Amino acid sequence: MSSRTFDIPNDDLDSQLAALGSRLEWAPTPDLASEVMSTISAPTPLPRPDHWPRWLAAAALALLLVGGLLAGPSSIRDSVAEFLGIDGLRIEFGEPDTTPTSMPNLGTPTLMEDLARWLPFTPMQPAALGDPDGIYLRILENGDTLAILAWESSDSLPRTAETNLGALLIEFAPPEDAGMMLKTVGLSTGTVTDTFVNGSRAYWVEGASELTIYEGQSTETRPSGHVLIWQADGIGFRLESALTMDEAIAIAESLEPAMNPS
């Protein structure tokens, strides 16, 4: 299809527009300046708090708190960025992949005495679970080390679908300048509960979630079961299981220096 451009001389165009304008009926022009000034000067009524939806009130409060803190010193802003989690392990909300894996990467099987030689801290184990069925050392690409203790499922320790184990305990010394792990919790399918282990703050994550381990330049991500996350004496702990929060806390509070498996 061809197209043509019609050129109208400027003089003719001006005269046609002027003639058209004379035939149009324009609405009365309001006094915008007066209306704007009266609106600005008038007080704005606020809705009564008891009429606000609960989620809106909570969101407004959260924005006020976070907004005020983010305007503060950098140390305060850093604490806000990490306020969900512990040193070395951050918790955030997102869309986790919940596709089960056959078996998580636990590292190299070892003995407790050998594990202790590699770690910058004394390994711990929960007395409530007894000696672990597996002891692993995982050395990340950047040199950070993880102690991983595993227990098989039993009548008192139900199998966790994401690991095929009864319980999995990760112990780590948080690096000073970076995070080691990220816990992503489903926005609509997961929950995070603020709790305590032996008086120290802890977090209980239940529902759809995944764990990301930072290897250095690369990362590893897998779906995760219910998790209790806490810190004691500068060491981070992550207990993954299919237990309830109270059961997991009882196990966490039974931590003691690890002994050689009998």
Protein backbone atom coordinates (compact mmCIF):
# COMPACT_ATOMS: atom_id res chain seq x y z
CA MET A 1 0.00 0.00 0.00
CA SER A 2 1.40 3.39 -0.98
CA SER A 3 1.20 6.48 1.17
CA ARG A 4 1.31 10.14 0.32
CA THR A 5 2.26 13.20 2.29
CA PHE A 6 0.06 16.28 1.91
CA ASP A 7 1.84 19.59 2.33
CA ILE A 8 -0.30 22.51 3.46
CA PRO A 9 1.26 25.97 3.18
CA ASN A 10 1.84 27.53 6.57
CA ASP A 11 -0.39 30.51 5.80
CA ASP A 12 -3.31 28.28 4.79
CA LEU A 13 -2.79 26.05 7.83
CA ASP A 14 -2.85 29.02 10.23
CA SER A 15 -6.03 30.40 8.71
CA GLN A 16 -7.78 27.00 8.79
CA LEU A 17 -6.88 26.44 12.44
CA ALA A 18 -8.07 29.91 13.35
CA ALA A 19 -11.39 29.33 11.59
CA LEU A 20 -11.80 25.98 13.31
CA GLY A 21 -11.11 27.51 16.68
CA SER A 22 -13.83 30.09 16.24
CA ARG A 23 -16.41 27.33 15.72
CA LEU A 24 -15.46 25.30 18.82
CA GLU A 25 -17.17 25.76 22.18
CA TRP A 26 -14.64 25.66 25.02
CA ALA A 27 -15.52 24.75 28.57
CA PRO A 28 -15.08 27.55 31.10
CA THR A 29 -11.51 27.64 32.41
CA PRO A 30 -11.53 26.95 36.17
CA ASP A 31 -9.54 29.04 38.63
CA LEU A 32 -6.89 26.35 39.12
CA ALA A 33 -4.54 28.49 41.18
CA SER A 34 -7.18 29.26 43.82
CA GLU A 35 -8.33 25.65 44.04
CA VAL A 36 -4.78 24.32 44.41
CA MET A 37 -3.90 26.83 47.13
CA SER A 38 -7.08 26.08 49.08
CA THR A 39 -6.40 22.33 48.87
CA ILE A 40 -2.82 22.73 50.10
CA SER A 41 -3.80 24.96 53.00
CA ALA A 42 -6.63 22.72 54.17
CA PRO A 43 -5.73 19.98 56.68
CA THR A 44 -5.83 16.45 55.29
CA PRO A 45 -8.02 14.15 57.41
CA LEU A 46 -6.42 10.83 58.28
CA PRO A 47 -8.43 7.62 58.50
CA ARG A 48 -9.00 6.31 61.99
CA PRO A 49 -6.51 3.51 62.83
CA ASP A 50 -9.32 1.10 63.67
CA HIS A 51 -10.60 1.43 60.11
CA TRP A 52 -7.24 0.49 58.53
CA PRO A 53 -6.83 -3.05 57.25
CA ARG A 54 -4.40 -4.90 59.52
CA TRP A 55 -1.97 -5.63 56.73
CA LEU A 56 -1.93 -1.95 55.72
CA ALA A 57 -1.23 -0.79 59.24
CA ALA A 58 1.57 -3.34 59.62
CA ALA A 59 3.07 -2.35 56.27
CA ALA A 60 2.96 1.34 57.17
CA LEU A 61 4.68 0.67 60.50
CA ALA A 62 7.36 -1.45 58.82
CA LEU A 63 8.03 1.27 56.24
CA LEU A 64 8.31 3.91 58.96
CA LEU A 65 10.72 1.80 61.00
CA VAL A 66 12.89 0.70 58.09
CA GLY A 67 12.80 4.12 56.46
CA GLY A 68 13.98 5.78 59.66
CA LEU A 69 16.74 3.26 60.20
CA LEU A 70 17.95 3.43 56.60
CA ALA A 71 18.38 7.16 56.99
CA GLY A 72 20.76 6.57 59.90
CA PRO A 73 24.46 5.68 60.05
CA SER A 74 25.86 2.91 57.86
CA SER A 75 26.19 0.55 60.84
CA ILE A 76 22.45 0.81 61.43
CA ARG A 77 21.70 0.25 57.75
CA ASP A 78 23.89 -2.85 57.80
CA SER A 79 22.01 -4.23 60.79
CA VAL A 80 18.70 -3.69 59.01
CA ALA A 81 19.97 -5.57 55.94
CA GLU A 82 20.91 -8.51 58.13
CA PHE A 83 18.10 -8.32 60.67
CA LEU A 84 16.64 -11.60 59.41
CA GLY A 85 19.38 -14.12 60.00
CA ILE A 86 22.64 -14.55 61.87
CA ASP A 87 26.26 -13.78 61.03
CA GLY A 88 27.11 -15.54 57.79
CA LEU A 89 23.55 -16.69 57.03
CA ARG A 90 20.88 -14.37 55.72
CA ILE A 91 17.16 -15.08 55.42
CA GLU A 92 15.06 -13.50 52.69
CA PHE A 93 11.69 -14.05 51.04
CA GLY A 94 11.35 -15.09 47.41
CA GLU A 95 10.27 -17.96 45.18
CA PRO A 96 12.30 -21.04 46.18
CA ASP A 97 12.68 -24.14 44.05
CA THR A 98 11.14 -27.02 46.01
CA THR A 99 12.06 -29.85 43.62
CA PRO A 100 13.56 -32.59 45.84
CA THR A 101 17.15 -33.70 45.26
CA SER A 102 18.39 -37.26 45.73
CA MET A 103 21.03 -36.28 48.29
CA PRO A 104 22.61 -32.99 49.34
CA ASN A 105 26.33 -32.38 48.92
CA LEU A 106 27.64 -33.05 52.43
CA GLY A 107 31.36 -33.05 51.70
CA THR A 108 34.03 -35.60 52.61
CA PRO A 109 33.26 -38.32 55.18
CA THR A 110 35.64 -38.11 58.10
CA LEU A 111 36.10 -38.87 61.82
CA MET A 112 35.32 -36.42 64.58
CA GLU A 113 38.94 -36.07 65.65
CA ASP A 114 39.98 -35.30 62.07
CA LEU A 115 37.11 -32.87 61.68
CA ALA A 116 38.28 -30.95 64.75
CA ARG A 117 41.74 -30.49 63.20
CA TRP A 118 40.30 -28.71 60.18
CA LEU A 119 37.87 -26.42 61.95
CA PRO A 120 38.69 -23.05 63.55
CA PHE A 121 36.34 -23.99 66.41
CA THR A 122 35.43 -26.98 68.55
CA PRO A 123 32.75 -29.07 66.84
CA MET A 124 29.53 -29.59 68.79
CA GLN A 125 26.84 -32.24 68.70
CA PRO A 126 23.41 -32.42 70.36
CA ALA A 127 23.23 -34.93 73.19
CA ALA A 128 19.53 -35.37 72.44
CA LEU A 129 20.37 -37.08 69.14
CA GLY A 130 23.36 -39.13 70.27
CA ASP A 131 26.31 -39.84 68.00
CA PRO A 132 25.74 -38.90 64.36
CA ASP A 133 25.48 -41.57 61.68
CA GLY A 134 27.70 -39.51 59.39
CA ILE A 135 30.41 -36.89 59.95
CA TYR A 136 31.49 -34.70 57.03
CA LEU A 137 33.95 -31.93 56.31
CA ARG A 138 33.06 -29.60 53.48
CA ILE A 139 35.74 -27.19 52.27
CA LEU A 140 34.38 -24.43 50.04
CA GLU A 141 36.26 -23.02 47.06
CA ASN A 142 37.20 -19.91 49.04
CA GLY A 143 38.68 -22.00 51.88
CA ASP A 144 35.79 -21.68 54.33
CA THR A 145 34.94 -24.90 56.16
CA LEU A 146 31.64 -26.47 57.19
CA ALA A 147 31.16 -29.22 59.74
CA ILE A 148 28.16 -31.36 58.78
CA LEU A 149 26.66 -34.03 61.04
CA ALA A 150 23.94 -36.35 59.73
CA TRP A 151 21.44 -38.66 61.44
CA GLU A 152 19.41 -41.31 59.64
CA SER A 153 15.63 -41.26 60.03
CA SER A 154 14.00 -43.32 62.78
CA ASP A 155 10.71 -43.66 64.65
CA SER A 156 11.54 -40.56 66.70
CA LEU A 157 13.27 -38.74 63.84
CA PRO A 158 11.03 -38.67 60.74
CA ARG A 159 12.58 -38.61 57.31
CA THR A 160 13.03 -35.18 55.75
CA ALA A 161 11.87 -35.33 52.12
CA GLU A 162 14.46 -32.79 50.94
CA THR A 163 17.49 -34.68 52.32
CA ASN A 164 16.25 -38.26 52.90
CA LEU A 165 17.74 -37.92 56.40
CA GLY A 166 16.32 -37.59 59.90
CA ALA A 167 18.41 -34.54 60.82
CA LEU A 168 21.26 -32.53 59.36
CA LEU A 169 23.35 -30.14 61.44
CA ILE A 170 25.68 -27.62 59.76
CA GLU A 171 28.22 -25.76 61.89
CA PHE A 172 30.32 -22.87 60.63
CA ALA A 173 32.47 -19.94 61.65
CA PRO A 174 30.97 -16.87 59.91
CA PRO A 175 33.45 -15.00 57.69
CA GLU A 176 34.03 -11.38 58.63
CA ASP A 177 33.48 -9.83 55.20
CA ALA A 178 30.88 -11.97 53.44
CA GLY A 179 27.93 -14.27 53.82
CA MET A 180 28.31 -18.02 53.52
CA MET A 181 24.69 -19.05 53.11
CA LEU A 182 21.35 -17.68 52.04
CA LYS A 183 17.98 -19.05 53.13
CA THR A 184 15.17 -18.20 50.70
CA VAL A 185 11.67 -18.64 52.11
CA GLY A 186 8.50 -18.84 50.00
CA LEU A 187 6.47 -15.64 50.11
CA SER A 188 3.14 -17.43 50.39
CA THR A 189 4.20 -20.95 51.33
CA GLY A 190 6.84 -20.45 54.02
CA THR A 191 7.05 -18.86 57.45
CA VAL A 192 9.83 -17.44 59.63
CA THR A 193 9.37 -17.40 63.41
CA ASP A 194 11.60 -15.41 65.74
CA THR A 195 12.50 -17.59 68.74
CA PHE A 196 15.35 -18.38 71.18
CA VAL A 197 17.90 -21.12 71.85
CA ASN A 198 19.39 -20.93 75.35
CA GLY A 199 18.45 -17.26 75.51
CA SER A 200 20.06 -16.34 72.17
CA ARG A 201 17.99 -15.23 69.20
CA ALA A 202 17.12 -17.94 66.71
CA TYR A 203 14.94 -18.33 63.64
CA TRP A 204 12.59 -21.17 62.80
CA VAL A 205 11.82 -21.59 59.08
CA GLU A 206 8.94 -23.83 58.10
CA GLY A 207 7.39 -24.53 54.72
CA ALA A 208 8.80 -24.07 51.23
CA SER A 209 12.38 -22.83 51.28
CA GLU A 210 15.78 -23.41 49.75
CA LEU A 211 19.40 -23.14 50.87
CA THR A 212 22.13 -21.44 48.85
CA ILE A 213 25.77 -22.00 49.78
CA TYR A 214 28.32 -19.53 48.42
CA GLU A 215 31.34 -21.51 47.26
CA GLY A 216 33.33 -18.45 46.24
CA GLN A 217 32.74 -17.59 42.60
CA SER A 218 29.97 -20.18 42.32
CA THR A 219 26.90 -21.13 44.33
CA GLU A 220 24.94 -24.27 45.13
CA THR A 221 21.20 -24.19 45.78
CA ARG A 222 18.88 -26.96 46.94
CA PRO A 223 15.41 -27.27 48.53
CA SER A 224 15.34 -27.42 52.30
CA GLY A 225 13.23 -28.92 55.07
CA HIS A 226 12.25 -27.21 58.33
CA VAL A 227 15.24 -25.36 59.72
CA LEU A 228 16.31 -23.90 63.05
CA ILE A 229 19.06 -21.30 62.73
CA TRP A 230 20.97 -19.87 65.68
CA GLN A 231 24.36 -18.72 66.91
CA ALA A 232 26.31 -19.60 70.05
CA ASP A 233 29.75 -18.32 71.09
CA GLY A 234 30.29 -16.84 67.63
CA ILE A 235 29.56 -20.12 65.81
CA GLY A 236 26.59 -20.51 63.46
CA PHE A 237 24.33 -23.57 63.56
CA ARG A 238 21.69 -24.77 61.14
CA LEU A 239 19.55 -27.79 62.09
CA GLU A 240 17.42 -29.20 59.26
CA SER A 241 14.73 -31.78 59.98
CA ALA A 242 11.03 -32.62 59.71
CA LEU A 243 10.50 -31.94 63.43
CA THR A 244 8.39 -29.28 65.11
CA MET A 245 9.92 -26.04 66.32
CA ASP A 246 9.79 -27.07 69.99
CA GLU A 247 11.45 -30.42 69.20
CA ALA A 248 14.20 -28.72 67.21
CA ILE A 249 14.83 -26.17 69.98
CA ALA A 250 15.14 -28.96 72.56
CA ILE A 251 17.77 -30.64 70.38
CA ALA A 252 19.64 -27.36 69.85
CA GLU A 253 19.72 -26.65 73.57
CA SER A 254 21.39 -30.02 74.20
CA LEU A 255 24.56 -29.07 72.29
CA GLU A 256 27.82 -30.16 73.88
CA PRO A 257 31.42 -30.57 72.69
CA ALA A 258 31.51 -33.50 70.28
CA MET A 259 32.97 -36.79 71.41
CA ASN A 260 34.49 -39.48 69.26
CA PRO A 261 31.86 -41.89 67.93
CA SER A 262 31.87 -45.13 69.92
